[in-house]
Amino acid sequence: MKSGFLVVFQREIDNTQKAQVEAQVEILIMRACQKTPLSSGEIVIALGHKQLSGNVRKALVKLRKEGFLEFTIKDKPRSKNQKYRLTETGKKHL
């Protein structure tokens, strides 16, 4: 047997953990929107957060770009009544 040691870089661990957290947030958001469309504020409450965090905001944008979520009011993305709806692609992904 060879003797030696293993060097693990903290940056690699941090990136892996970050990716896992992002994936978990995305899944939680999709599950929250599964039954009924939700506003960003309602999603935050469903996740148990107090306010809209950067992770949740990034996840919402990413899920929309990937086609898992869509706006309920497509022609007015900044409407105060805007909600997120799970798409058929999103339902299949869950």
C-alpha atoms as a PDB file:
ATOM      1  CA  MET A   1       0.000   0.000   0.000  1.00  0.00           C
ATOM      2  CA  LYS A   2       1.132   3.487  -0.719  1.00  0.00           C
ATOM      3  CA  SER A   3       1.044   5.986   2.052  1.00  0.00           C
ATOM      4  CA  GLY A   4       0.193   9.574   1.465  1.00  0.00           C
ATOM      5  CA  PHE A   5      -2.395  12.205   2.051  1.00  0.00           C
ATOM      6  CA  LEU A   6      -5.270  13.787   0.247  1.00  0.00           C
ATOM      7  CA  VAL A   7      -5.554  17.521  -0.222  1.00  0.00           C
ATOM      8  CA  VAL A   8      -9.097  18.862  -0.518  1.00  0.00           C
ATOM      9  CA  PHE A   9      -9.510  22.431  -1.558  1.00  0.00           C
ATOM     10  CA  GLN A  10     -12.131  24.446   0.301  1.00  0.00           C
ATOM     11  CA  ARG A  11     -13.230  26.178  -2.901  1.00  0.00           C
ATOM     12  CA  GLU A  12     -14.325  22.851  -4.427  1.00  0.00           C
ATOM     13  CA  ILE A  13     -16.383  22.029  -1.342  1.00  0.00           C
ATOM     14  CA  ASP A  14     -17.925  25.497  -1.307  1.00  0.00           C
ATOM     15  CA  ASN A  15     -18.947  25.236  -4.987  1.00  0.00           C
ATOM     16  CA  THR A  16     -20.499  21.819  -4.431  1.00  0.00           C
ATOM     17  CA  GLN A  17     -22.444  23.011  -1.403  1.00  0.00           C
ATOM     18  CA  LYS A  18     -23.571  26.120  -3.266  1.00  0.00           C
ATOM     19  CA  ALA A  19     -24.869  24.026  -6.174  1.00  0.00           C
ATOM     20  CA  GLN A  20     -26.717  21.712  -3.776  1.00  0.00           C
ATOM     21  CA  VAL A  21     -28.390  24.633  -1.993  1.00  0.00           C
ATOM     22  CA  GLU A  22     -29.404  26.202  -5.310  1.00  0.00           C
ATOM     23  CA  ALA A  23     -30.907  22.912  -6.515  1.00  0.00           C
ATOM     24  CA  GLN A  24     -32.825  22.479  -3.264  1.00  0.00           C
ATOM     25  CA  VAL A  25     -34.238  26.013  -3.467  1.00  0.00           C
ATOM     26  CA  GLU A  26     -35.338  25.418  -7.065  1.00  0.00           C
ATOM     27  CA  ILE A  27     -37.122  22.177  -6.165  1.00  0.00           C
ATOM     28  CA  LEU A  28     -38.845  23.816  -3.199  1.00  0.00           C
ATOM     29  CA  ILE A  29     -40.050  26.683  -5.398  1.00  0.00           C
ATOM     30  CA  MET A  30     -41.425  24.303  -8.025  1.00  0.00           C
ATOM     31  CA  ARG A  31     -43.226  22.262  -5.356  1.00  0.00           C
ATOM     32  CA  ALA A  32     -44.703  25.439  -3.866  1.00  0.00           C
ATOM     33  CA  CYS A  33     -46.111  26.458  -7.264  1.00  0.00           C
ATOM     34  CA  GLN A  34     -47.394  22.966  -8.047  1.00  0.00           C
ATOM     35  CA  LYS A  35     -50.999  23.430  -6.884  1.00  0.00           C
ATOM     36  CA  THR A  36     -51.613  27.102  -7.562  1.00  0.00           C
ATOM     37  CA  PRO A  37     -49.713  30.078  -9.015  1.00  0.00           C
ATOM     38  CA  LEU A  38     -47.882  32.115  -6.368  1.00  0.00           C
ATOM     39  CA  SER A  39     -46.411  35.611  -6.209  1.00  0.00           C
ATOM     40  CA  SER A  40     -42.760  35.989  -5.220  1.00  0.00           C
ATOM     41  CA  GLY A  41     -43.903  37.055  -1.740  1.00  0.00           C
ATOM     42  CA  GLU A  42     -46.075  33.971  -1.398  1.00  0.00           C
ATOM     43  CA  ILE A  43     -43.182  31.772  -2.539  1.00  0.00           C
ATOM     44  CA  VAL A  44     -40.954  33.310   0.128  1.00  0.00           C
ATOM     45  CA  ILE A  45     -43.555  32.523   2.802  1.00  0.00           C
ATOM     46  CA  ALA A  46     -44.015  28.973   1.460  1.00  0.00           C
ATOM     47  CA  LEU A  47     -40.255  28.426   1.796  1.00  0.00           C
ATOM     48  CA  GLY A  48     -40.313  29.715   5.358  1.00  0.00           C
ATOM     49  CA  HIS A  49     -38.175  32.768   4.629  1.00  0.00           C
ATOM     50  CA  LYS A  50     -38.857  36.255   5.935  1.00  0.00           C
ATOM     51  CA  GLN A  51     -37.955  38.162   2.799  1.00  0.00           C
ATOM     52  CA  LEU A  52     -36.960  37.642  -0.825  1.00  0.00           C
ATOM     53  CA  SER A  53     -33.313  36.542  -0.760  1.00  0.00           C
ATOM     54  CA  GLY A  54     -30.765  36.566  -3.552  1.00  0.00           C
ATOM     55  CA  ASN A  55     -30.911  32.767  -3.806  1.00  0.00           C
ATOM     56  CA  VAL A  56     -34.675  32.759  -4.287  1.00  0.00           C
ATOM     57  CA  ARG A  57     -34.528  35.622  -6.780  1.00  0.00           C
ATOM     58  CA  LYS A  58     -31.821  33.863  -8.830  1.00  0.00           C
ATOM     59  CA  ALA A  59     -33.735  30.596  -8.708  1.00  0.00           C
ATOM     60  CA  LEU A  60     -36.922  32.253 -10.003  1.00  0.00           C
ATOM     61  CA  VAL A  61     -35.063  33.765 -12.953  1.00  0.00           C
ATOM     62  CA  LYS A  62     -33.298  30.468 -13.704  1.00  0.00           C
ATOM     63  CA  LEU A  63     -36.504  28.422 -13.490  1.00  0.00           C
ATOM     64  CA  ARG A  64     -38.256  30.819 -15.878  1.00  0.00           C
ATOM     65  CA  LYS A  65     -35.367  30.742 -18.367  1.00  0.00           C
ATOM     66  CA  GLU A  66     -35.305  26.935 -18.280  1.00  0.00           C
ATOM     67  CA  GLY A  67     -39.058  26.789 -18.889  1.00  0.00           C
ATOM     68  CA  PHE A  68     -40.049  25.256 -15.540  1.00  0.00           C
ATOM     69  CA  LEU A  69     -41.988  28.343 -14.393  1.00  0.00           C
ATOM     70  CA  GLU A  70     -43.880  31.001 -16.306  1.00  0.00           C
ATOM     71  CA  PHE A  71     -45.548  34.303 -15.499  1.00  0.00           C
ATOM     72  CA  THR A  72     -49.321  34.374 -15.196  1.00  0.00           C
ATOM     73  CA  ILE A  73     -49.352  37.844 -16.828  1.00  0.00           C
ATOM     74  CA  LYS A  74     -46.864  37.365 -19.648  1.00  0.00           C
ATOM     75  CA  ASP A  75     -47.116  40.819 -21.219  1.00  0.00           C
ATOM     76  CA  LYS A  76     -46.588  42.637 -17.876  1.00  0.00           C
ATOM     77  CA  PRO A  77     -43.560  41.106 -16.103  1.00  0.00           C
ATOM     78  CA  ARG A  78     -43.462  43.879 -13.483  1.00  0.00           C
ATOM     79  CA  SER A  79     -47.159  43.817 -12.591  1.00  0.00           C
ATOM     80  CA  LYS A  80     -47.920  43.906  -8.865  1.00  0.00           C
ATOM     81  CA  ASN A  81     -50.355  41.053  -9.537  1.00  0.00           C
ATOM     82  CA  GLN A  82     -47.702  38.884 -11.210  1.00  0.00           C
ATOM     83  CA  LYS A  83     -47.507  35.253 -10.150  1.00  0.00           C
ATOM     84  CA  TYR A  84     -45.420  32.241 -11.093  1.00  0.00           C
ATOM     85  CA  ARG A  85     -47.045  29.114 -12.512  1.00  0.00           C
ATOM     86  CA  LEU A  86     -45.443  25.678 -12.909  1.00  0.00           C
ATOM     87  CA  THR A  87     -45.294  24.692 -16.587  1.00  0.00           C
ATOM     88  CA  GLU A  88     -45.879  21.220 -18.024  1.00  0.00           C
ATOM     89  CA  THR A  89     -42.094  20.895 -18.328  1.00  0.00           C
ATOM     90  CA  GLY A  90     -41.788  21.786 -14.672  1.00  0.00           C
ATOM     91  CA  LYS A  91     -44.416  19.223 -13.704  1.00  0.00           C
ATOM     92  CA  LYS A  92     -42.555  16.513 -15.617  1.00  0.00           C
ATOM     93  CA  HIS A  93     -39.282  17.505 -13.978  1.00  0.00           C
ATOM     94  CA  LEU A  94     -40.728  17.045 -10.485  1.00  0.00           C
END
